[in-house]
Amino acid sequence: MLKEVIGEDLKEILEVFLQTAPGELAAIQQAFDQQDQAGLRLHSHTLKGSAANVGATGLSLQAKKVEDAVKANDLSSVGEDIQQIEETLSAVLQALQDYINKI
């Protein structure tokens, strides 16, 4: 469906996501480790949007959960949420790479 909407630029958009998303996850983890709520909110928001742009809605929702937790000043489950993001992101990256290899 994305290819129909975006057209020929889809491959480039997916490649950018493949390059940037792992860095956003690392920034989320680092911000959490340093209890940097502003950084945690920023990077989870960024990942949320970029995941939505490539159709990774589950990943986007997980990043939103972290963003919302920071807004509510409740970091009690954020460590677990980040672990789930890591697992989902790994699967998304593999699926997108497989897709790129086919187009």
C-alpha atoms as a PDB file:
ATOM      1  CA  MET A   1       0.000   0.000   0.000  1.00  0.00           C
ATOM      2  CA  LEU A   2       2.811   2.426   0.831  1.00  0.00           C
ATOM      3  CA  LYS A   3       4.301   1.935  -2.620  1.00  0.00           C
ATOM      4  CA  GLU A   4       1.002   3.002  -4.173  1.00  0.00           C
ATOM      5  CA  VAL A   5       0.861   6.127  -2.036  1.00  0.00           C
ATOM      6  CA  ILE A   6       4.541   7.117  -2.031  1.00  0.00           C
ATOM      7  CA  GLY A   7       5.631   5.731  -5.369  1.00  0.00           C
ATOM      8  CA  GLU A   8       9.253   5.415  -6.412  1.00  0.00           C
ATOM      9  CA  ASP A   9      10.561   7.257  -3.348  1.00  0.00           C
ATOM     10  CA  LEU A  10       9.503   4.394  -1.077  1.00  0.00           C
ATOM     11  CA  LYS A  11      12.818   2.564  -1.294  1.00  0.00           C
ATOM     12  CA  GLU A  12      14.752   5.695  -0.306  1.00  0.00           C
ATOM     13  CA  ILE A  13      12.393   6.400   2.601  1.00  0.00           C
ATOM     14  CA  LEU A  14      12.727   2.838   3.871  1.00  0.00           C
ATOM     15  CA  GLU A  15      16.512   2.984   3.574  1.00  0.00           C
ATOM     16  CA  VAL A  16      16.603   6.194   5.605  1.00  0.00           C
ATOM     17  CA  PHE A  17      14.472   4.526   8.263  1.00  0.00           C
ATOM     18  CA  LEU A  18      16.812   1.518   8.304  1.00  0.00           C
ATOM     19  CA  GLN A  19      19.756   3.860   8.862  1.00  0.00           C
ATOM     20  CA  THR A  20      18.211   6.158  11.475  1.00  0.00           C
ATOM     21  CA  ALA A  21      15.885   4.009  13.580  1.00  0.00           C
ATOM     22  CA  PRO A  22      18.637   2.069  15.405  1.00  0.00           C
ATOM     23  CA  GLY A  23      20.196   5.394  16.428  1.00  0.00           C
ATOM     24  CA  GLU A  24      16.873   6.622  17.765  1.00  0.00           C
ATOM     25  CA  LEU A  25      16.526   3.455  19.821  1.00  0.00           C
ATOM     26  CA  ALA A  26      20.048   3.937  21.180  1.00  0.00           C
ATOM     27  CA  ALA A  27      19.200   7.543  22.053  1.00  0.00           C
ATOM     28  CA  ILE A  28      16.020   6.402  23.814  1.00  0.00           C
ATOM     29  CA  GLN A  29      17.988   3.873  25.856  1.00  0.00           C
ATOM     30  CA  GLN A  30      20.701   6.386  26.704  1.00  0.00           C
ATOM     31  CA  ALA A  31      18.147   9.005  27.748  1.00  0.00           C
ATOM     32  CA  PHE A  32      16.404   6.434  29.936  1.00  0.00           C
ATOM     33  CA  ASP A  33      19.688   5.343  31.510  1.00  0.00           C
ATOM     34  CA  GLN A  34      20.521   8.982  32.283  1.00  0.00           C
ATOM     35  CA  GLN A  35      16.960   9.747  33.411  1.00  0.00           C
ATOM     36  CA  ASP A  36      16.866  12.470  30.756  1.00  0.00           C
ATOM     37  CA  GLN A  37      13.134  12.896  30.369  1.00  0.00           C
ATOM     38  CA  ALA A  38      13.413  15.582  27.683  1.00  0.00           C
ATOM     39  CA  GLY A  39      15.656  13.359  25.569  1.00  0.00           C
ATOM     40  CA  LEU A  40      13.486  10.335  26.194  1.00  0.00           C
ATOM     41  CA  ARG A  41      10.410  12.228  25.096  1.00  0.00           C
ATOM     42  CA  LEU A  42      12.121  13.690  22.024  1.00  0.00           C
ATOM     43  CA  HIS A  43      13.581  10.430  20.738  1.00  0.00           C
ATOM     44  CA  SER A  44      10.481   8.358  21.431  1.00  0.00           C
ATOM     45  CA  HIS A  45       8.430  10.996  19.605  1.00  0.00           C
ATOM     46  CA  THR A  46      10.832  10.887  16.655  1.00  0.00           C
ATOM     47  CA  LEU A  47      10.739   7.087  16.468  1.00  0.00           C
ATOM     48  CA  LYS A  48       6.953   7.140  16.770  1.00  0.00           C
ATOM     49  CA  GLY A  49       6.628   9.387  13.742  1.00  0.00           C
ATOM     50  CA  SER A  50       9.206   7.718  11.560  1.00  0.00           C
ATOM     51  CA  ALA A  51       7.786   4.261  12.314  1.00  0.00           C
ATOM     52  CA  ALA A  52       4.310   5.482  11.380  1.00  0.00           C
ATOM     53  CA  ASN A  53       5.677   6.904   8.133  1.00  0.00           C
ATOM     54  CA  VAL A  54       6.936   3.489   7.019  1.00  0.00           C
ATOM     55  CA  GLY A  55       3.809   1.633   8.122  1.00  0.00           C
ATOM     56  CA  ALA A  56       5.267   0.106  11.290  1.00  0.00           C
ATOM     57  CA  THR A  57       2.196   0.942  13.351  1.00  0.00           C
ATOM     58  CA  GLY A  58       2.938  -1.451  16.195  1.00  0.00           C
ATOM     59  CA  LEU A  59       6.374   0.077  16.674  1.00  0.00           C
ATOM     60  CA  SER A  60       4.876   3.553  16.473  1.00  0.00           C
ATOM     61  CA  LEU A  61       2.368   2.693  19.198  1.00  0.00           C
ATOM     62  CA  GLN A  62       5.115   1.315  21.431  1.00  0.00           C
ATOM     63  CA  ALA A  63       7.143   4.514  21.038  1.00  0.00           C
ATOM     64  CA  LYS A  64       3.997   6.532  21.779  1.00  0.00           C
ATOM     65  CA  LYS A  65       3.565   4.553  24.984  1.00  0.00           C
ATOM     66  CA  VAL A  66       7.021   5.690  26.119  1.00  0.00           C
ATOM     67  CA  GLU A  67       6.327   9.269  25.063  1.00  0.00           C
ATOM     68  CA  ASP A  68       3.033   9.251  26.976  1.00  0.00           C
ATOM     69  CA  ALA A  69       4.691   7.777  30.067  1.00  0.00           C
ATOM     70  CA  VAL A  70       7.236  10.590  30.075  1.00  0.00           C
ATOM     71  CA  LYS A  71       4.470  13.182  29.672  1.00  0.00           C
ATOM     72  CA  ALA A  72       2.710  11.616  32.667  1.00  0.00           C
ATOM     73  CA  ASN A  73       5.995  11.536  34.602  1.00  0.00           C
ATOM     74  CA  ASP A  74       5.593   7.793  35.145  1.00  0.00           C
ATOM     75  CA  LEU A  75       8.734   5.942  34.099  1.00  0.00           C
ATOM     76  CA  SER A  76       7.901   2.795  36.074  1.00  0.00           C
ATOM     77  CA  SER A  77       7.397   0.584  33.016  1.00  0.00           C
ATOM     78  CA  VAL A  78       9.551   2.449  30.498  1.00  0.00           C
ATOM     79  CA  GLY A  79      12.477   0.021  30.807  1.00  0.00           C
ATOM     80  CA  GLU A  80      10.205  -2.850  29.795  1.00  0.00           C
ATOM     81  CA  ASP A  81       8.644  -0.733  27.055  1.00  0.00           C
ATOM     82  CA  ILE A  82      12.078   0.013  25.609  1.00  0.00           C
ATOM     83  CA  GLN A  83      12.850  -3.716  25.563  1.00  0.00           C
ATOM     84  CA  GLN A  84       9.653  -4.307  23.598  1.00  0.00           C
ATOM     85  CA  ILE A  85      10.593  -1.517  21.184  1.00  0.00           C
ATOM     86  CA  GLU A  86      13.986  -3.133  20.680  1.00  0.00           C
ATOM     87  CA  GLU A  87      12.433  -6.496  19.852  1.00  0.00           C
ATOM     88  CA  THR A  88       9.828  -5.007  17.540  1.00  0.00           C
ATOM     89  CA  LEU A  89      12.344  -2.752  15.822  1.00  0.00           C
ATOM     90  CA  SER A  90      14.573  -5.726  15.105  1.00  0.00           C
ATOM     91  CA  ALA A  91      11.702  -7.528  13.390  1.00  0.00           C
ATOM     92  CA  VAL A  92      10.650  -4.390  11.493  1.00  0.00           C
ATOM     93  CA  LEU A  93      14.181  -3.736  10.265  1.00  0.00           C
ATOM     94  CA  GLN A  94      14.482  -7.297   8.986  1.00  0.00           C
ATOM     95  CA  ALA A  95      11.106  -7.162   7.262  1.00  0.00           C
ATOM     96  CA  LEU A  96      11.887  -3.832   5.609  1.00  0.00           C
ATOM     97  CA  GLN A  97      15.283  -5.030   4.456  1.00  0.00           C
ATOM     98  CA  ASP A  98      13.696  -8.142   2.996  1.00  0.00           C
ATOM     99  CA  TYR A  99      11.143  -5.961   1.214  1.00  0.00           C
ATOM    100  CA  ILE A 100      13.813  -3.635  -0.175  1.00  0.00           C
ATOM    101  CA  ASN A 101      15.736  -6.629  -1.485  1.00  0.00           C
ATOM    102  CA  LYS A 102      12.656  -7.721  -3.440  1.00  0.00           C
ATOM    103  CA  ILE A 103      11.837  -4.392  -5.087  1.00  0.00           C
END
